[in-house]
N, C-alpha and C. Protein backbone atom coordinates (compact mmCIF):
# COMPACT_ATOMS: atom_id res chain seq x y z
N MET A 1 28.71 31.99 -3.22
CA MET A 1 28.64 30.54 -3.34
C MET A 1 27.37 30.16 -4.11
N LEU A 2 27.50 29.30 -5.08
CA LEU A 2 26.38 28.95 -5.95
C LEU A 2 25.33 28.08 -5.29
N MET A 3 25.67 27.31 -4.28
CA MET A 3 24.74 26.33 -3.71
C MET A 3 23.59 26.96 -2.92
N ASN A 4 23.62 28.24 -2.61
CA ASN A 4 22.57 28.86 -1.80
C ASN A 4 21.55 29.61 -2.63
N ARG A 5 21.47 29.34 -3.91
CA ARG A 5 20.56 30.06 -4.79
C ARG A 5 19.28 29.26 -5.01
N GLN A 6 18.23 29.94 -5.43
CA GLN A 6 16.96 29.28 -5.76
C GLN A 6 16.91 28.86 -7.23
N MET A 7 17.53 29.67 -8.09
CA MET A 7 17.52 29.42 -9.53
C MET A 7 18.93 29.58 -10.08
N TYR A 8 19.25 28.76 -11.07
CA TYR A 8 20.57 28.79 -11.69
C TYR A 8 20.44 28.93 -13.20
N ARG A 9 21.29 29.75 -13.78
CA ARG A 9 21.42 29.75 -15.24
C ARG A 9 22.10 28.45 -15.63
N VAL A 10 22.01 28.08 -16.90
CA VAL A 10 22.59 26.82 -17.36
C VAL A 10 24.08 26.77 -17.05
N ALA A 11 24.79 27.86 -17.29
CA ALA A 11 26.24 27.88 -17.04
C ALA A 11 26.55 27.62 -15.57
N GLU A 12 25.72 28.14 -14.68
CA GLU A 12 25.92 27.92 -13.25
C GLU A 12 25.58 26.47 -12.87
N ALA A 13 24.53 25.94 -13.47
CA ALA A 13 24.14 24.55 -13.19
C ALA A 13 25.23 23.58 -13.64
N THR A 14 25.92 23.91 -14.72
CA THR A 14 27.02 23.04 -15.17
C THR A 14 28.10 22.96 -14.11
N GLN A 15 28.37 24.07 -13.44
CA GLN A 15 29.38 24.09 -12.37
C GLN A 15 28.91 23.29 -11.17
N VAL A 16 27.65 23.45 -10.80
CA VAL A 16 27.12 22.74 -9.63
C VAL A 16 27.11 21.23 -9.88
N LEU A 17 26.71 20.82 -11.09
CA LEU A 17 26.59 19.40 -11.41
C LEU A 17 27.89 18.78 -11.89
N GLY A 18 28.82 19.61 -12.31
CA GLY A 18 30.08 19.08 -12.84
C GLY A 18 29.91 18.47 -14.22
N LEU A 19 28.94 18.99 -14.97
CA LEU A 19 28.66 18.49 -16.32
C LEU A 19 28.90 19.59 -17.34
N GLY A 20 28.98 19.22 -18.58
CA GLY A 20 29.15 20.19 -19.66
C GLY A 20 27.82 20.82 -20.05
N ARG A 21 27.91 21.93 -20.74
CA ARG A 21 26.73 22.68 -21.18
C ARG A 21 25.81 21.84 -22.05
N SER A 22 26.37 21.13 -23.03
CA SER A 22 25.53 20.34 -23.92
C SER A 22 24.86 19.18 -23.18
N LYS A 23 25.53 18.61 -22.19
CA LYS A 23 24.92 17.54 -21.40
C LYS A 23 23.74 18.06 -20.59
N VAL A 24 23.88 19.25 -20.02
CA VAL A 24 22.78 19.84 -19.26
C VAL A 24 21.58 20.08 -20.17
N TYR A 25 21.81 20.62 -21.37
CA TYR A 25 20.71 20.82 -22.32
C TYR A 25 20.10 19.50 -22.75
N GLU A 26 20.91 18.46 -22.89
CA GLU A 26 20.41 17.13 -23.22
C GLU A 26 19.49 16.61 -22.11
N LEU A 27 19.89 16.81 -20.87
CA LEU A 27 19.06 16.40 -19.73
C LEU A 27 17.75 17.17 -19.69
N ILE A 28 17.79 18.44 -20.03
CA ILE A 28 16.58 19.26 -20.07
C ILE A 28 15.66 18.75 -21.17
N ARG A 29 16.20 18.54 -22.36
CA ARG A 29 15.39 18.04 -23.48
C ARG A 29 14.80 16.66 -23.18
N GLY A 30 15.55 15.83 -22.47
CA GLY A 30 15.09 14.49 -22.13
C GLY A 30 14.20 14.44 -20.90
N LYS A 31 13.86 15.61 -20.35
CA LYS A 31 12.98 15.73 -19.17
C LYS A 31 13.56 15.08 -17.91
N ARG A 32 14.88 14.92 -17.86
CA ARG A 32 15.52 14.39 -16.65
C ARG A 32 15.92 15.52 -15.70
N LEU A 33 15.98 16.74 -16.23
CA LEU A 33 16.32 17.92 -15.43
C LEU A 33 15.30 19.00 -15.76
N ARG A 34 14.50 19.39 -14.77
CA ARG A 34 13.47 20.40 -14.98
C ARG A 34 14.10 21.78 -15.16
N SER A 35 13.44 22.60 -15.96
CA SER A 35 13.89 23.98 -16.13
C SER A 35 12.68 24.84 -16.46
N VAL A 36 12.87 26.14 -16.33
CA VAL A 36 11.84 27.11 -16.69
C VAL A 36 12.49 28.16 -17.57
N LYS A 37 11.66 28.86 -18.31
CA LYS A 37 12.17 29.93 -19.15
C LYS A 37 11.60 31.24 -18.65
N GLU A 38 12.45 32.20 -18.38
CA GLU A 38 12.05 33.55 -17.97
C GLU A 38 12.55 34.48 -19.05
N GLY A 39 11.63 34.92 -19.90
CA GLY A 39 12.06 35.71 -21.06
C GLY A 39 12.90 34.84 -21.97
N ARG A 40 14.12 35.27 -22.23
CA ARG A 40 15.02 34.50 -23.09
C ARG A 40 16.01 33.65 -22.31
N VAL A 41 15.87 33.65 -20.98
CA VAL A 41 16.84 32.96 -20.13
C VAL A 41 16.26 31.63 -19.64
N ARG A 42 17.02 30.57 -19.80
CA ARG A 42 16.65 29.25 -19.28
C ARG A 42 17.20 29.14 -17.86
N LEU A 43 16.32 28.85 -16.89
CA LEU A 43 16.72 28.75 -15.49
C LEU A 43 16.39 27.36 -14.96
N ILE A 44 17.24 26.89 -14.07
CA ILE A 44 17.06 25.58 -13.47
C ILE A 44 16.87 25.79 -11.97
N PRO A 45 15.71 25.40 -11.44
CA PRO A 45 15.49 25.55 -10.00
C PRO A 45 16.45 24.67 -9.20
N ALA A 46 16.84 25.14 -8.04
CA ALA A 46 17.72 24.36 -7.16
C ALA A 46 17.07 23.02 -6.82
N SER A 47 15.75 23.02 -6.67
CA SER A 47 15.05 21.76 -6.37
C SER A 47 15.17 20.76 -7.51
N ALA A 48 15.24 21.25 -8.75
CA ALA A 48 15.40 20.36 -9.90
C ALA A 48 16.78 19.71 -9.89
N ILE A 49 17.78 20.47 -9.47
CA ILE A 49 19.14 19.91 -9.37
C ILE A 49 19.17 18.84 -8.29
N ALA A 50 18.55 19.12 -7.15
CA ALA A 50 18.49 18.14 -6.06
C ALA A 50 17.73 16.89 -6.49
N ASP A 51 16.64 17.07 -7.22
CA ASP A 51 15.86 15.92 -7.71
C ASP A 51 16.67 15.08 -8.68
N TYR A 52 17.44 15.72 -9.55
CA TYR A 52 18.26 15.00 -10.51
C TYR A 52 19.34 14.19 -9.79
N VAL A 53 19.98 14.78 -8.80
CA VAL A 53 21.01 14.06 -8.03
C VAL A 53 20.38 12.87 -7.32
N ALA A 54 19.19 13.05 -6.74
CA ALA A 54 18.49 11.94 -6.07
C ALA A 54 18.16 10.84 -7.07
N LEU A 55 17.76 11.22 -8.28
CA LEU A 55 17.47 10.24 -9.32
C LEU A 55 18.71 9.43 -9.66
N LEU A 56 19.85 10.10 -9.79
CA LEU A 56 21.10 9.40 -10.08
C LEU A 56 21.46 8.43 -8.96
N GLU A 57 21.26 8.86 -7.72
CA GLU A 57 21.56 7.99 -6.58
C GLU A 57 20.64 6.76 -6.58
N GLN A 58 19.37 6.98 -6.88
CA GLN A 58 18.42 5.87 -6.94
C GLN A 58 18.78 4.90 -8.06
N GLU A 59 19.11 5.43 -9.22
CA GLU A 59 19.49 4.58 -10.35
C GLU A 59 20.76 3.80 -10.04
N GLY A 60 21.67 4.42 -9.29
CA GLY A 60 22.91 3.76 -8.91
C GLY A 60 22.68 2.60 -7.96
N ARG A 61 21.67 2.74 -7.11
CA ARG A 61 21.36 1.66 -6.17
C ARG A 61 20.67 0.48 -6.85
N THR A 62 19.90 0.77 -7.90
CA THR A 62 19.16 -0.30 -8.57
C THR A 62 19.95 -0.94 -9.71
N ALA A 63 21.08 -0.35 -10.06
CA ALA A 63 21.86 -0.90 -11.18
C ALA A 63 22.69 -2.08 -10.77
C-alpha cells in the first residue's frame, strides 16, 4: 500500500494524489509541492503530500 511510505517517487505521488505526471512536476516547479532529489531521483516526502492536501482544503474553504 502506497500510503504508508515516507517518500514517494513522482509516479507514485501521481497515484496518491490522483493527478497526472506533468501536473505534479508543475506543482513542484511552482513550490506548491515540496520535493527532494536523491541522486537522479526526484522524491516527494509523505509530509509534503499531506501539506499540499491541507493547502487545497484551506483554499477551498476561503474560496
